[in-house]
Amino acid sequence: MKLCLIALSFAVSAFAQTVNFDAKPGLWETTTVSKSAGMPAIDTSKMSPEVRQRVEESMKKNMAPQTHTTRSCMTKEKLEKDLFLDPKQTSASCKRTIVTNTRTTVDVKIECANDKYATAGTFHLEALSRESVKGTFKTTIGPMQVNVDMTSKWIGSDCGDVK
């Protein structure tokens, strides 16, 4: 899940551009379904049988589709500039290119040069209405591919204590 959120944040954070996406500010509920393939090779030859089995089980579990639902408070500023994550928390090695930037559609292309694995991906976000959004994120992180489908719905204007 953390990987998906980081990937999504890279996709839509643009330091110098304002996103024109038109969605209502307030409390939103987002459901993501992520699918991964091509995990990095791990040398298990020096591991005990018990540790090797745990590592293999963990890798299999991470490859299975994972569904997560979260709630977040989207302010006007977050919608225009940060959308999913504060730009201060994204890597400086990432180049973001906003390909489409309309009131109903945002398409972003990303490329990151990291020490261990290069990352490249695309993000598509579409407003079905001001209260309903869907999107996809497709990325390659070294040998791993991650595909995320998301749907998000507006709950109300009052966020309560949700940040």
C-alpha atoms as a PDB file:
ATOM      1  CA  MET A   1       0.000   0.000   0.000  1.00  0.00           C
ATOM      2  CA  LYS A   2       2.776   2.411   0.916  1.00  0.00           C
ATOM      3  CA  LEU A   3       4.414   1.809  -2.462  1.00  0.00           C
ATOM      4  CA  CYS A   4       1.156   2.621  -4.228  1.00  0.00           C
ATOM      5  CA  LEU A   5       0.712   5.872  -2.311  1.00  0.00           C
ATOM      6  CA  ILE A   6       4.286   6.906  -3.049  1.00  0.00           C
ATOM      7  CA  ALA A   7       3.835   6.083  -6.711  1.00  0.00           C
ATOM      8  CA  LEU A   8       0.578   8.013  -6.871  1.00  0.00           C
ATOM      9  CA  SER A   9       2.167  10.970  -5.156  1.00  0.00           C
ATOM     10  CA  PHE A  10       5.020  11.068  -7.658  1.00  0.00           C
ATOM     11  CA  ALA A  11       2.513  11.001 -10.476  1.00  0.00           C
ATOM     12  CA  VAL A  12       0.482  14.033  -9.562  1.00  0.00           C
ATOM     13  CA  SER A  13       2.853  16.262  -7.638  1.00  0.00           C
ATOM     14  CA  ALA A  14       3.996  19.083  -9.875  1.00  0.00           C
ATOM     15  CA  PHE A  15       6.013  21.761  -8.157  1.00  0.00           C
ATOM     16  CA  ALA A  16       5.451  24.659 -10.541  1.00  0.00           C
ATOM     17  CA  GLN A  17       2.091  23.778 -12.064  1.00  0.00           C
ATOM     18  CA  THR A  18      -1.410  24.051 -10.752  1.00  0.00           C
ATOM     19  CA  VAL A  19      -3.653  21.126 -11.597  1.00  0.00           C
ATOM     20  CA  ASN A  20      -6.970  22.302 -13.074  1.00  0.00           C
ATOM     21  CA  PHE A  21      -8.873  19.252 -11.816  1.00  0.00           C
ATOM     22  CA  ASP A  22     -12.383  20.179 -10.675  1.00  0.00           C
ATOM     23  CA  ALA A  23     -13.502  18.099  -7.713  1.00  0.00           C
ATOM     24  CA  LYS A  24     -15.304  19.181  -4.565  1.00  0.00           C
ATOM     25  CA  PRO A  25     -13.177  19.941  -1.530  1.00  0.00           C
ATOM     26  CA  GLY A  26     -14.019  17.964   1.585  1.00  0.00           C
ATOM     27  CA  LEU A  27     -13.969  14.379   2.799  1.00  0.00           C
ATOM     28  CA  TRP A  28     -13.179  11.770   0.125  1.00  0.00           C
ATOM     29  CA  GLU A  29     -13.091   7.980   0.313  1.00  0.00           C
ATOM     30  CA  THR A  30     -10.653   6.300  -2.055  1.00  0.00           C
ATOM     31  CA  THR A  31     -10.396   2.608  -2.892  1.00  0.00           C
ATOM     32  CA  THR A  32      -7.297   1.334  -4.665  1.00  0.00           C
ATOM     33  CA  VAL A  33      -6.663  -2.091  -6.158  1.00  0.00           C
ATOM     34  CA  SER A  34      -2.985  -2.707  -6.826  1.00  0.00           C
ATOM     35  CA  LYS A  35      -1.400  -5.537  -8.762  1.00  0.00           C
ATOM     36  CA  SER A  36       2.349  -6.182  -8.864  1.00  0.00           C
ATOM     37  CA  ALA A  37       4.542  -8.386 -11.018  1.00  0.00           C
ATOM     38  CA  GLY A  38       8.259  -8.989 -11.391  1.00  0.00           C
ATOM     39  CA  MET A  39       9.625  -8.693  -7.858  1.00  0.00           C
ATOM     40  CA  PRO A  40      13.358  -7.975  -7.535  1.00  0.00           C
ATOM     41  CA  ALA A  41      15.562 -11.056  -7.286  1.00  0.00           C
ATOM     42  CA  ILE A  42      16.492 -11.920  -3.716  1.00  0.00           C
ATOM     43  CA  ASP A  43      19.343 -14.314  -2.964  1.00  0.00           C
ATOM     44  CA  THR A  44      17.843 -16.803  -0.529  1.00  0.00           C
ATOM     45  CA  SER A  45      20.758 -19.289  -0.705  1.00  0.00           C
ATOM     46  CA  LYS A  46      22.256 -18.127   2.622  1.00  0.00           C
ATOM     47  CA  MET A  47      18.951 -18.016   4.490  1.00  0.00           C
ATOM     48  CA  SER A  48      17.754 -20.652   6.876  1.00  0.00           C
ATOM     49  CA  PRO A  49      14.843 -22.759   5.546  1.00  0.00           C
ATOM     50  CA  GLU A  50      12.450 -20.964   7.917  1.00  0.00           C
ATOM     51  CA  VAL A  51      13.542 -17.478   6.830  1.00  0.00           C
ATOM     52  CA  ARG A  52      13.551 -18.505   3.146  1.00  0.00           C
ATOM     53  CA  GLN A  53       9.973 -19.786   3.495  1.00  0.00           C
ATOM     54  CA  ARG A  54       8.826 -16.515   5.149  1.00  0.00           C
ATOM     55  CA  VAL A  55      10.494 -14.447   2.415  1.00  0.00           C
ATOM     56  CA  GLU A  56       8.896 -16.537  -0.345  1.00  0.00           C
ATOM     57  CA  GLU A  57       5.462 -16.351   1.310  1.00  0.00           C
ATOM     58  CA  SER A  58       5.800 -12.594   1.727  1.00  0.00           C
ATOM     59  CA  MET A  59       6.743 -12.175  -1.942  1.00  0.00           C
ATOM     60  CA  LYS A  60       3.759 -14.274  -3.053  1.00  0.00           C
ATOM     61  CA  LYS A  61       1.457 -12.247  -0.821  1.00  0.00           C
ATOM     62  CA  ASN A  62       2.779  -8.974  -2.270  1.00  0.00           C
ATOM     63  CA  MET A  63       2.130 -10.229  -5.809  1.00  0.00           C
ATOM     64  CA  ALA A  64      -1.573 -10.854  -5.125  1.00  0.00           C
ATOM     65  CA  PRO A  65      -3.984  -7.982  -5.867  1.00  0.00           C
ATOM     66  CA  GLN A  66      -4.406  -5.788  -2.805  1.00  0.00           C
ATOM     67  CA  THR A  67      -7.410  -3.582  -2.078  1.00  0.00           C
ATOM     68  CA  HIS A  68      -7.242  -0.632   0.324  1.00  0.00           C
ATOM     69  CA  THR A  69      -9.812   2.006   1.248  1.00  0.00           C
ATOM     70  CA  THR A  70      -8.822   5.274   2.911  1.00  0.00           C
ATOM     71  CA  ARG A  71     -10.442   8.591   3.739  1.00  0.00           C
ATOM     72  CA  SER A  72      -8.733  11.939   3.297  1.00  0.00           C
ATOM     73  CA  CYS A  73      -9.598  15.606   3.531  1.00  0.00           C
ATOM     74  CA  MET A  74      -9.047  17.329   0.204  1.00  0.00           C
ATOM     75  CA  THR A  75      -8.716  21.112   0.430  1.00  0.00           C
ATOM     76  CA  LYS A  76      -8.728  23.446  -2.564  1.00  0.00           C
ATOM     77  CA  GLU A  77      -4.937  23.796  -2.215  1.00  0.00           C
ATOM     78  CA  LYS A  78      -4.395  20.023  -2.138  1.00  0.00           C
ATOM     79  CA  LEU A  79      -6.552  19.620  -5.233  1.00  0.00           C
ATOM     80  CA  GLU A  80      -4.656  22.327  -7.115  1.00  0.00           C
ATOM     81  CA  LYS A  81      -1.075  21.695  -6.017  1.00  0.00           C
ATOM     82  CA  ASP A  82      -0.574  18.563  -3.945  1.00  0.00           C
ATOM     83  CA  LEU A  83      -3.483  16.303  -4.934  1.00  0.00           C
ATOM     84  CA  PHE A  84      -2.188  13.236  -3.011  1.00  0.00           C
ATOM     85  CA  LEU A  85       1.020  14.145  -1.198  1.00  0.00           C
ATOM     86  CA  ASP A  86       2.938  17.262  -0.266  1.00  0.00           C
ATOM     87  CA  PRO A  87       5.573  17.931  -2.978  1.00  0.00           C
ATOM     88  CA  LYS A  88       8.210  18.390  -0.252  1.00  0.00           C
ATOM     89  CA  GLN A  89       7.976  14.636   0.339  1.00  0.00           C
ATOM     90  CA  THR A  90       8.676  13.600  -3.256  1.00  0.00           C
ATOM     91  CA  SER A  91      12.091  12.804  -4.661  1.00  0.00           C
ATOM     92  CA  ALA A  92      14.035  15.563  -6.380  1.00  0.00           C
ATOM     93  CA  SER A  93      15.230  12.952  -8.898  1.00  0.00           C
ATOM     94  CA  CYS A  94      11.739  12.684 -10.391  1.00  0.00           C
ATOM     95  CA  LYS A  95      10.729  14.517 -13.556  1.00  0.00           C
ATOM     96  CA  ARG A  96       6.979  15.041 -13.850  1.00  0.00           C
ATOM     97  CA  THR A  97       5.359  16.003 -17.119  1.00  0.00           C
ATOM     98  CA  ILE A  98       1.697  16.944 -17.062  1.00  0.00           C
ATOM     99  CA  VAL A  99       0.411  15.758 -20.439  1.00  0.00           C
ATOM    100  CA  THR A 100      -3.287  16.612 -19.985  1.00  0.00           C
ATOM    101  CA  ASN A 101      -4.549  19.170 -17.478  1.00  0.00           C
ATOM    102  CA  THR A 102      -8.261  19.927 -17.758  1.00  0.00           C
ATOM    103  CA  ARG A 103     -11.142  20.253 -15.317  1.00  0.00           C
ATOM    104  CA  THR A 104     -12.054  16.582 -15.882  1.00  0.00           C
ATOM    105  CA  THR A 105      -8.797  14.857 -16.814  1.00  0.00           C
ATOM    106  CA  VAL A 106      -5.213  14.879 -15.575  1.00  0.00           C
ATOM    107  CA  ASP A 107      -2.542  12.731 -17.264  1.00  0.00           C
ATOM    108  CA  VAL A 108       0.967  12.762 -15.852  1.00  0.00           C
ATOM    109  CA  LYS A 109       4.123  11.028 -17.023  1.00  0.00           C
ATOM    110  CA  ILE A 110       6.904  10.432 -14.489  1.00  0.00           C
ATOM    111  CA  GLU A 111      10.523   9.394 -14.680  1.00  0.00           C
ATOM    112  CA  CYS A 112      12.707   8.987 -11.598  1.00  0.00           C
ATOM    113  CA  ALA A 113      16.414   8.249 -11.493  1.00  0.00           C
ATOM    114  CA  ASN A 114      17.010   6.525  -8.162  1.00  0.00           C
ATOM    115  CA  ASP A 115      20.199   4.968  -6.844  1.00  0.00           C
ATOM    116  CA  LYS A 116      18.810   1.445  -6.875  1.00  0.00           C
ATOM    117  CA  TYR A 117      15.965   1.357  -9.440  1.00  0.00           C
ATOM    118  CA  ALA A 118      14.810   3.742 -12.123  1.00  0.00           C
ATOM    119  CA  THR A 119      11.076   4.441 -12.146  1.00  0.00           C
ATOM    120  CA  ALA A 120       8.832   5.325 -15.077  1.00  0.00           C
ATOM    121  CA  GLY A 121       5.082   5.529 -15.160  1.00  0.00           C
ATOM    122  CA  THR A 122       1.861   7.163 -16.210  1.00  0.00           C
ATOM    123  CA  PHE A 123      -1.080   8.368 -14.173  1.00  0.00           C
ATOM    124  CA  HIS A 124      -4.573   9.045 -15.479  1.00  0.00           C
ATOM    125  CA  LEU A 125      -7.191  10.721 -13.300  1.00  0.00           C
ATOM    126  CA  GLU A 126     -10.731  11.352 -14.560  1.00  0.00           C
ATOM    127  CA  ALA A 127     -13.585  13.210 -12.865  1.00  0.00           C
ATOM    128  CA  LEU A 128     -16.829  11.396 -13.632  1.00  0.00           C
ATOM    129  CA  SER A 129     -18.482  14.266 -11.756  1.00  0.00           C
ATOM    130  CA  ARG A 130     -17.335  16.728  -9.076  1.00  0.00           C
ATOM    131  CA  GLU A 131     -18.147  13.985  -6.544  1.00  0.00           C
ATOM    132  CA  SER A 132     -16.783  10.884  -8.294  1.00  0.00           C
ATOM    133  CA  VAL A 133     -13.276  10.230  -9.610  1.00  0.00           C
ATOM    134  CA  LYS A 134     -11.528   7.235 -11.120  1.00  0.00           C
ATOM    135  CA  GLY A 135      -7.941   6.733 -12.129  1.00  0.00           C
ATOM    136  CA  THR A 136      -5.153   4.394 -13.104  1.00  0.00           C
ATOM    137  CA  PHE A 137      -1.461   4.370 -12.379  1.00  0.00           C
ATOM    138  CA  LYS A 138       0.968   2.170 -14.260  1.00  0.00           C
ATOM    139  CA  THR A 139       4.630   2.162 -13.335  1.00  0.00           C
ATOM    140  CA  THR A 140       7.817   0.190 -13.630  1.00  0.00           C
ATOM    141  CA  ILE A 141      10.205   0.290 -10.681  1.00  0.00           C
ATOM    142  CA  GLY A 142      13.316  -1.581 -11.750  1.00  0.00           C
ATOM    143  CA  PRO A 143      12.177  -5.140 -12.476  1.00  0.00           C
ATOM    144  CA  MET A 144       8.766  -4.645 -10.856  1.00  0.00           C
ATOM    145  CA  GLN A 145       5.553  -3.486 -12.529  1.00  0.00           C
ATOM    146  CA  VAL A 146       2.789  -1.950 -10.438  1.00  0.00           C
ATOM    147  CA  ASN A 147      -0.712  -1.249 -11.764  1.00  0.00           C
ATOM    148  CA  VAL A 148      -3.214   0.572  -9.593  1.00  0.00           C
ATOM    149  CA  ASP A 149      -6.889   1.183 -10.297  1.00  0.00           C
ATOM    150  CA  MET A 150      -8.601   3.681  -8.030  1.00  0.00           C
ATOM    151  CA  THR A 151     -12.052   5.046  -7.435  1.00  0.00           C
ATOM    152  CA  SER A 152     -12.814   7.938  -5.159  1.00  0.00           C
ATOM    153  CA  LYS A 153     -16.095   9.408  -3.968  1.00  0.00           C
ATOM    154  CA  TRP A 154     -16.927  12.609  -2.160  1.00  0.00           C
ATOM    155  CA  ILE A 155     -18.448  11.961   1.273  1.00  0.00           C
ATOM    156  CA  GLY A 156     -19.209  15.528   2.382  1.00  0.00           C
ATOM    157  CA  SER A 157     -17.827  19.012   2.903  1.00  0.00           C
ATOM    158  CA  ASP A 158     -17.025  18.442   6.602  1.00  0.00           C
ATOM    159  CA  CYS A 159     -13.850  16.412   7.132  1.00  0.00           C
ATOM    160  CA  GLY A 160     -14.318  16.085  10.877  1.00  0.00           C
ATOM    161  CA  ASP A 161     -10.965  15.023  12.331  1.00  0.00           C
ATOM    162  CA  VAL A 162      -9.728  13.358   9.109  1.00  0.00           C
ATOM    163  CA  LYS A 163      -6.613  15.071   7.788  1.00  0.00           C
END
